[in-house]
Structure formats: structure tokens, C-alpha cells
């Protein structure tokens, strides 16, 4: 009757059950990693690489892969809140000046400047705690060593301002 493929209705029920179990497991692990900070009521887990909807209690919904989230990454607005506040303030104080956020010129390779003001060739780096000590979500000791190696390795004439995050 089903050409050896089984009952479609039963197959859908089985896949649904597996997804629910995977969603439940993801939520359980995510709560362990993030200490119950986020709301996972909108999560529908498909695979580790397909974005899920997570709700931050401060900023609302954001999308992230389960892999990234379980690796310690959380709400992007919380992570870059102070850096973005600096950018917003500069834009408000100097409304006629072009100010770029997360700027990556070709000569910088895969790196980027947090804030860049082209007219004056000024780059501003907002250094979070990962610039001063190993942090798991930024690669731990290996990530910290890479960060140290990249500091001031720019071979380009520009004015660099470093703002140290008070954590």
C-alpha cells in the first residue's frame, strides 16, 4: 500500500516527536549555559546550524544558531551595548559627519574597526574584557592570544583611539 515506505501520518508524528525532544534538549542545555537568562518559548529546533528565535529579557527577539548559543554567545545587543552607545553618541554629537560602525577596510583583512571616521582617518576600538583576559565565548586562551597578536598590527597611517571597557 505504501510501497515499503511506511505510513506518512506515522512518519510525521515520529519526526515531530524527534523535533520536540531536540527542542527540549536544546532548551535544557541553553538554560545551563546562560543560567536561565533567556526565554526559549519561540524555539523550534531543526538542526544545530539553523537559526532559532530566542528572547532577551532586555532587547526582545534575536536569532542565533543553537551551536553558537550553546557555545556561550547570547544577545548581540547586550554584548555590544556599550560599544553601540559610544557610536550612537558620536552620531548624535556630530550629525553631519560620516561615522561608520563595524568598518572593515580591504587592507585590514578579516579584522574590523568598531567605529571609523573616514574624513579624519580615525579608528576607534572599544576593547571589551576579552582584550585583557581569556573569555570562553571569545575562544578562551587561544582567542585571547590571537587578540593580543592582532593589537596594533596595522601597517596603515591612521589615528587609532582605544577605549577600555570598564567591566
Protein backbone atom coordinates (compact mmCIF):
# COMPACT_ATOMS: atom_id res chain seq x y z
CA UNK A 1 0.00 0.00 0.00
CA UNK A 2 2.80 2.48 0.85
CA UNK A 3 5.44 0.87 -1.38
CA UNK A 4 7.63 -0.09 1.58
CA UNK A 5 7.89 3.47 2.90
CA UNK A 6 5.53 3.16 5.84
CA UNK A 7 2.60 5.30 6.89
CA UNK A 8 3.09 9.04 6.10
CA UNK A 9 0.96 10.04 9.09
CA UNK A 10 3.08 7.94 11.46
CA UNK A 11 6.27 9.31 9.87
CA UNK A 12 5.14 12.91 10.50
CA UNK A 13 4.30 12.06 14.12
CA UNK A 14 7.73 10.46 14.61
CA UNK A 15 9.59 13.44 13.09
CA UNK A 16 7.53 15.82 15.24
CA UNK A 17 8.40 13.86 18.36
CA UNK A 18 12.12 13.91 17.49
CA UNK A 19 11.99 17.70 16.92
CA UNK A 20 10.22 18.23 20.24
CA UNK A 21 12.84 16.12 22.02
CA UNK A 22 15.62 18.04 20.29
CA UNK A 23 13.97 21.37 21.19
CA UNK A 24 13.63 20.28 24.81
CA UNK A 25 17.27 19.15 24.94
CA UNK A 26 18.44 22.42 23.37
CA UNK A 27 16.44 24.49 25.88
CA UNK A 28 17.77 22.43 28.78
CA UNK A 29 21.39 22.90 27.65
CA UNK A 30 20.85 26.59 26.83
CA UNK A 31 19.46 27.27 30.30
CA UNK A 32 22.52 25.60 31.81
CA UNK A 33 24.91 27.69 29.67
CA UNK A 34 23.06 31.01 30.12
CA UNK A 35 21.73 30.49 33.66
CA UNK A 36 18.04 30.87 32.68
CA UNK A 37 18.59 34.40 31.28
CA UNK A 38 16.62 33.93 28.03
CA UNK A 39 13.09 32.92 27.06
CA UNK A 40 13.08 29.93 24.69
CA UNK A 41 9.31 29.68 24.15
CA UNK A 42 9.68 30.54 20.44
CA UNK A 43 12.41 27.98 19.73
CA UNK A 44 11.76 25.25 17.17
CA UNK A 45 14.94 23.24 16.92
CA UNK A 46 15.69 21.81 13.46
CA UNK A 47 19.48 21.34 13.45
CA UNK A 48 22.45 22.82 15.27
CA UNK A 49 23.10 25.19 12.33
CA UNK A 50 19.56 26.51 11.67
CA UNK A 51 18.70 29.76 13.50
CA UNK A 52 16.22 29.65 16.35
CA UNK A 53 14.27 32.55 17.86
CA UNK A 54 15.48 33.43 21.36
CA UNK A 55 14.00 36.21 23.50
CA UNK A 56 16.28 38.50 25.52
CA UNK A 57 14.51 39.99 28.59
CA UNK A 58 16.01 43.40 27.76
CA UNK A 59 16.12 43.62 23.94
CA UNK A 60 13.47 41.15 22.78
CA UNK A 61 13.78 38.59 19.99
CA UNK A 62 17.03 37.70 18.24
CA UNK A 63 18.04 34.80 16.00
CA UNK A 64 21.07 32.61 16.52
CA UNK A 65 22.21 29.11 15.66
CA UNK A 66 21.90 26.61 18.51
CA UNK A 67 25.61 25.85 18.06
CA UNK A 68 26.55 29.49 18.61
CA UNK A 69 24.18 29.91 21.53
CA UNK A 70 25.40 26.77 23.30
CA UNK A 71 28.98 27.99 22.78
CA UNK A 72 28.19 30.90 25.09
CA UNK A 73 27.01 33.57 22.66
CA UNK A 74 23.93 35.48 23.71
CA UNK A 75 22.00 38.58 22.76
CA UNK A 76 24.10 40.63 20.31
CA UNK A 77 22.65 43.90 21.63
CA UNK A 78 23.69 43.04 25.18
CA UNK A 79 27.16 42.05 24.01
CA UNK A 80 27.85 45.25 22.12
CA UNK A 81 25.66 47.57 24.18
CA UNK A 82 28.43 49.90 25.44
CA UNK A 83 30.21 49.96 22.09
CA UNK A 84 26.99 50.83 20.29
CA UNK A 85 26.18 53.52 22.86
CA UNK A 86 29.51 55.19 22.05
CA UNK A 87 28.75 55.03 18.32
CA UNK A 88 25.23 56.45 18.84
CA UNK A 89 26.56 59.29 20.96
CA UNK A 90 29.15 60.21 18.34
CA UNK A 91 26.44 60.21 15.65
CA UNK A 92 24.22 62.45 17.79
CA UNK A 93 27.05 64.85 18.64
CA UNK A 94 28.30 65.07 15.05
CA UNK A 95 25.22 64.58 12.82
CA UNK A 96 26.92 65.92 9.67
CA UNK A 97 29.95 63.66 9.97
CA UNK A 98 30.10 60.22 8.34
CA UNK A 99 30.70 57.71 11.13
CA UNK A 100 30.88 54.01 10.27
CA UNK A 101 30.09 51.14 12.62
CA UNK A 102 31.92 47.81 12.34
CA UNK A 103 34.04 49.07 9.44
CA UNK A 104 36.36 46.65 7.66
CA UNK A 105 38.65 48.22 5.04
CA UNK A 106 40.20 45.87 2.47
CA UNK A 107 43.71 46.34 3.85
CA UNK A 108 42.60 45.13 7.30
CA UNK A 109 41.76 41.62 6.09
CA UNK A 110 39.21 39.81 8.27
CA UNK A 111 39.55 42.31 11.11
CA UNK A 112 37.38 45.38 11.57
CA UNK A 113 37.30 48.65 13.46
CA UNK A 114 34.46 49.15 15.90
CA UNK A 115 33.99 52.76 14.76
CA UNK A 116 35.65 54.63 11.89
CA UNK A 117 35.52 58.30 10.87
CA UNK A 118 36.74 58.49 7.23
CA UNK A 119 37.07 62.29 6.99
CA UNK A 120 39.71 62.35 9.73
CA UNK A 121 41.03 58.79 9.23
CA UNK A 122 40.24 57.96 12.85
CA UNK A 123 39.53 54.43 14.04
CA UNK A 124 38.06 53.77 17.48
CA UNK A 125 38.45 50.39 19.12
CA UNK A 126 36.20 49.63 22.07
CA UNK A 127 38.11 46.98 23.98
CA UNK A 128 35.94 44.62 25.98
CA UNK A 129 37.17 42.26 28.65
CA UNK A 130 38.40 39.73 26.01
CA UNK A 131 41.26 42.17 25.31
CA UNK A 132 42.54 41.79 28.88
CA UNK A 133 41.87 38.19 29.89
CA UNK A 134 40.77 34.87 28.33
CA UNK A 135 36.96 34.60 27.96
CA UNK A 136 35.33 31.29 26.94
CA UNK A 137 32.85 32.78 24.43
CA UNK A 138 35.74 34.53 22.64
CA UNK A 139 37.87 31.39 22.27
CA UNK A 140 39.43 31.16 25.73
CA UNK A 141 43.22 31.29 25.93
CA UNK A 142 43.66 30.70 22.18
CA UNK A 143 41.27 33.57 21.33
CA UNK A 144 42.99 35.82 23.88
CA UNK A 145 46.42 35.10 22.37
CA UNK A 146 45.09 35.90 18.87
CA UNK A 147 43.63 39.16 20.18
CA UNK A 148 46.98 40.14 21.69
CA UNK A 149 48.80 39.29 18.45
CA UNK A 150 46.42 41.46 16.41
CA UNK A 151 46.75 44.55 18.62
CA UNK A 152 48.34 47.42 16.75
CA UNK A 153 49.43 45.21 13.88
CA UNK A 154 48.04 47.76 11.41
CA UNK A 155 50.51 48.87 8.78
CA UNK A 156 48.46 51.85 7.67
CA UNK A 157 48.57 55.56 8.55
CA UNK A 158 45.57 56.26 10.73
CA UNK A 159 44.77 57.66 14.14
CA UNK A 160 43.74 54.86 16.47
CA UNK A 161 41.83 55.61 19.67
CA UNK A 162 41.40 52.77 22.13
CA UNK A 163 38.57 52.92 24.65
CA UNK A 164 38.97 50.49 27.53
CA UNK A 165 35.78 48.87 28.75
CA UNK A 166 35.28 49.08 32.48
CA UNK A 167 33.94 45.63 33.38
